Each structure stands twice: as structure tokens, then as C-alpha cells.
Amino acid sequence: MGNRRTLWIVAAVLGAAAVFWGIGQAVGPSGGDVDLNKALDAMQQVKTFRGTYTQTASGSAHSEKLWEVDCNRVIVHQQSHDTQSSTDSPSEMKEDELLVGKQRYTRDSNGSWESIPSESELYSAKWYCDNVAQGTARDLLPDVRTMVHHAMTEKGSKKTINGVRCQEWKFATRTAVTAQGGSICIGIDDHLPYEVITDGGRYSYADYNRPIQIDVPEAVLQPASSINDSN
């Protein structure tokens, strides 16, 4: 009976704490919630940016990714470099992909772009840019919308990332299907995300709404442009 009574008391205390935390959130959201909401609004105004990802897990595997986004021209350029330095079977894989409108191209070994037929708009440049405008481009930008609804935050230090001063927020996000912890650094002046660190790696962002020079051959742009205009 004593153990059961203790369990009931612990459950009641935890329940009360959750209620008071919820009331506090409703009455006066934390600084992290305010910053995340401002970031979500700011991200929906973004037209151009660059992003990088570096895997930080220890071991023989290493992964790097780069993406350049120009939604003014509906172009997304993605590169990836994955290595496995295991002494048993070392390997290396590079990919260079160009998305223009609804069209997809990959760079072959001789440096030319080869069209990849696709009947779906999913993961095309148009699809990505539509999602950027709605604040739901989770593959290209941080999933701030999920953080707004499900993350608990703790204020960290101020940093300078890619020449921009930003406020770090440590977060713990838990939903019905995922749980993730890490930190996000949000620009003090423009409220845009400049760095996200998780257990898997580090994401870095730069050049928001600045001209992005993506080397796209005219032979690629012209047919894609005519297809986009017809739709």
C-alpha cells in the first residue's frame, strides 16, 4: 500500500507540473517559443539561400551535403559526398543533382547534365519552393513548425555563424513518432536559422535572399522554362 500511495503522489505532482507548464505556455510563452514563431514567419519570406550538412558521428563513415536554392528562378542545386573508410571495403560516392522547375538532371562523369525522366512533381524544385513558401521545407530548412508545436527550449549563448549574430536555443522535441534533441541558432536581427546541431550532424545556412550564382547551362534552362510556363 505504501508503494502504491507513493506512486500516486509522484503521478499527481508530475501531472500538476505539466498543467502549470501548459498554463505558463498559454499565458506567456517562453523566449524560445517567441523566437521559433518569428523564425517560422521569416522563413516563409525566403527566396534564396545556401545550406550545408556535415555528419559528426564518429567512425569510418563521413557525409557532406550542399544545397543552393533560388526560388526566384525555381532552381535547386544539390551535391553530396559520402565516404566509408573501413579497411575492409572503403568506398566513396558523389552526387551532383540539378532541379529546374519540375525537371531533374544529374551530372555524369564527363561533366554534362543528363535529364532524369519523372512523372511526379514530388521533390522537384517547384515542390521545394512551394514548401519553402509554406514553411514546410523540412529537407532544406529546419523543421521549425514541429519545434513550435512540440519542442521545449532552453536559452543558450549568442554566436556568430557565417558572419551573423544569432541566439542559440537548446531544444528537445518529442512527437508520437519521433524524438530529437539539439540546438538551433536564430538570427538576432532577421530571425532566420543559421545553425542546427543534432546528434547526427551539423546544419549551416547562409546567403538568405541574396543572389545565388548557380551554373546552369542554357540548354537545361530553356526546355525546363517552356514546360513550366505551359503549366
Protein backbone atom coordinates (compact mmCIF):
# COMPACT_ATOMS: atom_id res chain seq x y z
CA MET A 1 0.00 0.00 0.00
CA GLY A 2 2.84 2.37 0.84
CA ASN A 3 4.48 1.92 -2.56
CA ARG A 4 1.15 2.44 -4.36
CA ARG A 5 0.49 5.60 -2.35
CA THR A 6 3.94 6.92 -3.23
CA LEU A 7 3.34 6.25 -6.93
CA TRP A 8 0.02 8.14 -6.77
CA ILE A 9 1.72 11.12 -5.10
CA VAL A 10 4.52 11.18 -7.72
CA ALA A 11 1.97 10.96 -10.55
CA ALA A 12 -0.08 13.79 -9.04
CA VAL A 13 2.99 16.02 -8.68
CA LEU A 14 4.07 15.35 -12.28
CA GLY A 15 0.54 15.98 -13.52
CA ALA A 16 0.35 19.27 -11.65
CA ALA A 17 3.72 20.32 -13.03
CA ALA A 18 2.53 19.58 -16.57
CA VAL A 19 -0.63 21.60 -16.01
CA PHE A 20 1.27 24.59 -14.63
CA TRP A 21 3.76 24.39 -17.52
CA GLY A 22 0.89 24.34 -20.01
CA ILE A 23 -0.79 27.32 -18.33
CA GLY A 24 2.51 29.19 -18.37
CA GLN A 25 2.88 28.49 -22.07
CA ALA A 26 -0.62 29.72 -22.81
CA VAL A 27 -0.37 32.86 -20.68
CA GLY A 28 3.18 33.84 -21.53
CA PRO A 29 5.20 31.74 -23.99
CA SER A 30 8.91 31.36 -23.35
CA GLY A 31 11.53 33.29 -25.26
CA GLY A 32 12.29 30.17 -27.26
CA ASP A 33 8.69 29.91 -28.44
CA VAL A 34 8.69 33.58 -29.44
CA ASP A 35 11.94 33.19 -31.41
CA LEU A 36 10.75 30.00 -33.12
CA ASN A 37 7.49 31.63 -34.21
CA LYS A 38 9.41 34.61 -35.57
CA ALA A 39 11.74 32.21 -37.41
CA LEU A 40 8.80 30.39 -38.97
CA ASP A 41 7.34 33.66 -40.24
CA ALA A 42 10.74 34.85 -41.56
CA MET A 43 11.45 31.55 -43.34
CA GLN A 44 8.26 31.86 -45.38
CA GLN A 45 9.67 35.05 -46.94
CA VAL A 46 12.91 33.40 -48.08
CA LYS A 47 13.59 33.16 -51.81
CA THR A 48 17.28 32.22 -51.94
CA PHE A 49 19.77 30.59 -49.55
CA ARG A 50 22.58 28.06 -49.19
CA GLY A 51 22.68 25.13 -46.79
CA THR A 52 25.32 22.59 -45.76
CA TYR A 53 25.28 19.44 -43.69
CA THR A 54 28.21 17.61 -42.13
CA GLN A 55 27.86 14.31 -40.36
CA THR A 56 29.52 14.44 -36.95
CA ALA A 57 29.12 10.81 -35.90
CA SER A 58 32.42 9.15 -35.10
CA GLY A 59 33.65 6.17 -37.06
CA SER A 60 34.72 5.43 -40.60
CA ALA A 61 31.65 6.91 -42.33
CA HIS A 62 31.55 10.57 -43.32
CA SER A 63 28.88 12.53 -45.14
CA GLU A 64 28.75 16.06 -46.52
CA LYS A 65 25.92 17.77 -48.39
CA LEU A 66 25.47 21.15 -50.02
CA TRP A 67 22.33 22.71 -51.44
CA GLU A 68 21.78 26.04 -53.20
CA VAL A 69 18.22 27.30 -53.61
CA ASP A 70 16.97 30.04 -55.93
CA CYS A 71 13.18 30.12 -55.81
CA ASN A 72 13.12 33.30 -57.92
CA ARG A 73 14.18 31.05 -60.82
CA VAL A 74 12.79 27.82 -59.27
CA ILE A 75 16.21 26.12 -59.19
CA VAL A 76 17.69 23.81 -56.56
CA HIS A 77 21.26 22.53 -56.83
CA GLN A 78 22.25 19.63 -54.56
CA GLN A 79 25.62 17.94 -54.06
CA SER A 80 26.57 15.12 -51.73
CA HIS A 81 29.82 13.34 -50.86
CA ASP A 82 29.76 10.14 -48.81
CA THR A 83 32.82 8.14 -47.83
CA GLN A 84 33.35 4.89 -45.98
CA SER A 85 36.98 4.47 -44.93
CA SER A 86 36.66 0.99 -43.48
CA THR A 87 39.79 -1.00 -44.15
CA ASP A 88 37.67 -3.96 -45.28
CA SER A 89 35.72 -2.17 -48.05
CA PRO A 90 36.48 1.55 -48.43
CA SER A 91 34.07 3.38 -50.71
CA GLU A 92 33.24 6.85 -52.00
CA MET A 93 30.09 8.18 -53.63
CA LYS A 94 29.45 11.62 -55.11
CA GLU A 95 26.19 13.00 -56.47
CA ASP A 96 25.51 16.29 -58.25
CA GLU A 97 21.85 17.00 -58.97
CA LEU A 98 20.11 19.97 -60.54
CA LEU A 99 16.39 20.60 -60.19
CA VAL A 100 14.85 23.18 -62.53
CA GLY A 101 11.11 23.76 -62.27
CA LYS A 102 9.62 20.27 -62.50
CA GLN A 103 12.64 18.80 -64.29
CA ARG A 104 15.51 16.83 -62.77
CA TYR A 105 19.09 16.50 -64.04
CA THR A 106 22.19 14.68 -62.83
CA ARG A 107 25.81 15.40 -63.75
CA ASP A 108 27.55 12.42 -65.33
CA SER A 109 31.24 11.50 -65.23
CA ASN A 110 32.17 13.74 -68.19
CA GLY A 111 30.59 16.82 -66.58
CA SER A 112 27.46 17.11 -68.73
CA TRP A 113 23.89 17.18 -67.38
CA GLU A 114 21.62 14.24 -68.10
CA SER A 115 17.84 14.53 -67.81
CA ILE A 116 16.09 12.14 -65.42
CA PRO A 117 12.52 11.37 -66.50
CA SER A 118 9.95 11.77 -63.74
CA GLU A 119 6.17 11.77 -63.76
CA SER A 120 5.88 13.19 -60.26
CA GLU A 121 6.30 16.76 -59.06
CA LEU A 122 7.42 15.42 -55.67
CA TYR A 123 10.93 16.63 -54.69
CA SER A 124 11.18 18.85 -57.77
CA ALA A 125 12.42 22.44 -57.48
CA LYS A 126 8.83 23.65 -57.79
CA TRP A 127 7.76 21.32 -54.96
CA TYR A 128 10.64 22.50 -52.76
CA CYS A 129 9.96 26.19 -53.43
CA ASP A 130 6.25 25.75 -52.74
CA ASN A 131 7.15 24.16 -49.41
CA VAL A 132 9.64 26.93 -48.58
CA ALA A 133 6.86 29.49 -49.09
CA GLN A 134 4.61 27.49 -46.73
CA GLY A 135 7.31 26.96 -44.09
CA THR A 136 7.28 23.18 -44.56
CA ALA A 137 10.55 22.54 -46.46
CA ARG A 138 11.98 20.12 -43.91
CA ASP A 139 14.59 18.66 -46.27
CA LEU A 140 16.13 22.09 -46.99
CA LEU A 141 15.45 24.16 -43.86
CA PRO A 142 14.96 23.25 -40.18
CA ASP A 143 11.58 21.80 -39.21
CA VAL A 144 10.71 24.85 -37.13
CA ARG A 145 6.97 24.22 -37.44
CA THR A 146 7.33 20.96 -35.47
CA MET A 147 9.55 22.72 -32.91
CA VAL A 148 6.89 25.41 -32.41
CA HIS A 149 4.27 22.79 -31.51
CA HIS A 150 6.33 20.12 -29.76
CA ALA A 151 9.68 21.46 -28.51
CA MET A 152 10.75 22.52 -25.03
CA THR A 153 13.55 25.11 -25.23
CA GLU A 154 16.33 26.45 -23.07
CA LYS A 155 18.26 29.62 -23.84
CA GLY A 156 21.87 29.14 -24.79
CA SER A 157 24.66 31.54 -25.73
CA LYS A 158 24.94 34.08 -28.53
CA LYS A 159 27.05 33.01 -31.51
CA THR A 160 28.34 34.33 -34.80
CA ILE A 161 27.54 31.90 -37.63
CA ASN A 162 28.52 32.76 -41.22
CA GLY A 163 29.09 36.35 -40.14
CA VAL A 164 25.65 36.73 -38.50
CA ARG A 165 24.94 37.11 -34.78
CA CYS A 166 22.38 34.61 -33.59
CA GLN A 167 20.78 33.39 -30.37
CA GLU A 168 21.19 29.71 -29.58
CA TRP A 169 18.23 27.75 -28.23
CA LYS A 170 18.65 24.20 -26.97
CA PHE A 171 15.59 22.13 -27.79
CA ALA A 172 14.02 18.76 -27.07
CA THR A 173 11.27 17.74 -29.47
CA ARG A 174 9.00 14.77 -28.90
CA THR A 175 6.08 13.70 -31.09
CA ALA A 176 4.13 10.46 -31.42
CA VAL A 177 6.70 9.09 -33.89
CA THR A 178 9.99 10.94 -33.25
CA ALA A 179 12.16 12.37 -30.50
CA GLN A 180 15.08 14.68 -31.14
CA GLY A 181 17.32 16.99 -29.19
CA GLY A 182 19.88 19.58 -30.18
CA SER A 183 20.26 23.30 -30.67
CA ILE A 184 19.19 25.94 -33.19
CA CYS A 185 20.74 29.39 -33.61
CA ILE A 186 18.30 32.08 -34.79
CA GLY A 187 19.44 35.41 -36.22
CA ILE A 188 19.03 38.24 -33.71
CA ASP A 189 18.01 40.78 -36.36
CA ASP A 190 16.40 38.75 -39.16
CA HIS A 191 15.08 35.78 -37.06
CA LEU A 192 16.30 33.24 -39.64
CA PRO A 193 18.02 29.95 -38.65
CA TYR A 194 21.79 29.85 -39.21
CA GLU A 195 22.81 26.64 -37.47
CA VAL A 196 21.18 23.44 -36.25
CA ILE A 197 23.14 20.81 -34.32
CA THR A 198 21.69 17.37 -33.62
CA ASP A 199 23.11 14.01 -32.62
CA GLY A 200 23.55 13.16 -36.31
CA GLY A 201 25.37 16.24 -37.54
CA ARG A 202 25.57 19.99 -38.08
CA TYR A 203 23.48 22.07 -40.48
CA SER A 204 24.61 25.56 -41.51
CA TYR A 205 22.70 28.20 -43.52
CA ALA A 206 23.79 31.39 -45.29
CA ASP A 207 23.04 33.95 -48.02
CA TYR A 208 19.34 34.36 -47.32
CA ASN A 209 17.64 36.43 -50.04
CA ARG A 210 20.95 37.21 -51.72
CA PRO A 211 21.73 36.47 -55.39
CA ILE A 212 22.77 32.84 -55.79
CA GLN A 213 25.06 32.08 -58.72
CA ILE A 214 24.21 28.56 -59.88
CA ASP A 215 25.99 27.39 -63.02
CA VAL A 216 23.06 26.17 -65.09
CA PRO A 217 23.57 25.58 -68.84
CA GLU A 218 21.12 27.37 -71.14
CA ALA A 219 20.35 24.03 -72.76
CA VAL A 220 18.91 22.93 -69.41
CA LEU A 221 17.10 26.17 -68.60
CA GLN A 222 15.28 26.67 -71.90
CA PRO A 223 13.29 23.41 -72.16
CA ALA A 224 12.50 23.48 -68.44
CA SER A 225 11.31 27.08 -68.71
CA SER A 226 8.97 26.29 -71.59
CA ILE A 227 7.48 23.33 -69.70
CA ASN A 228 6.97 25.42 -66.53
CA ASP A 229 5.32 28.26 -68.48
CA SER A 230 2.89 25.83 -70.12
CA ASN A 231 1.74 24.67 -66.67
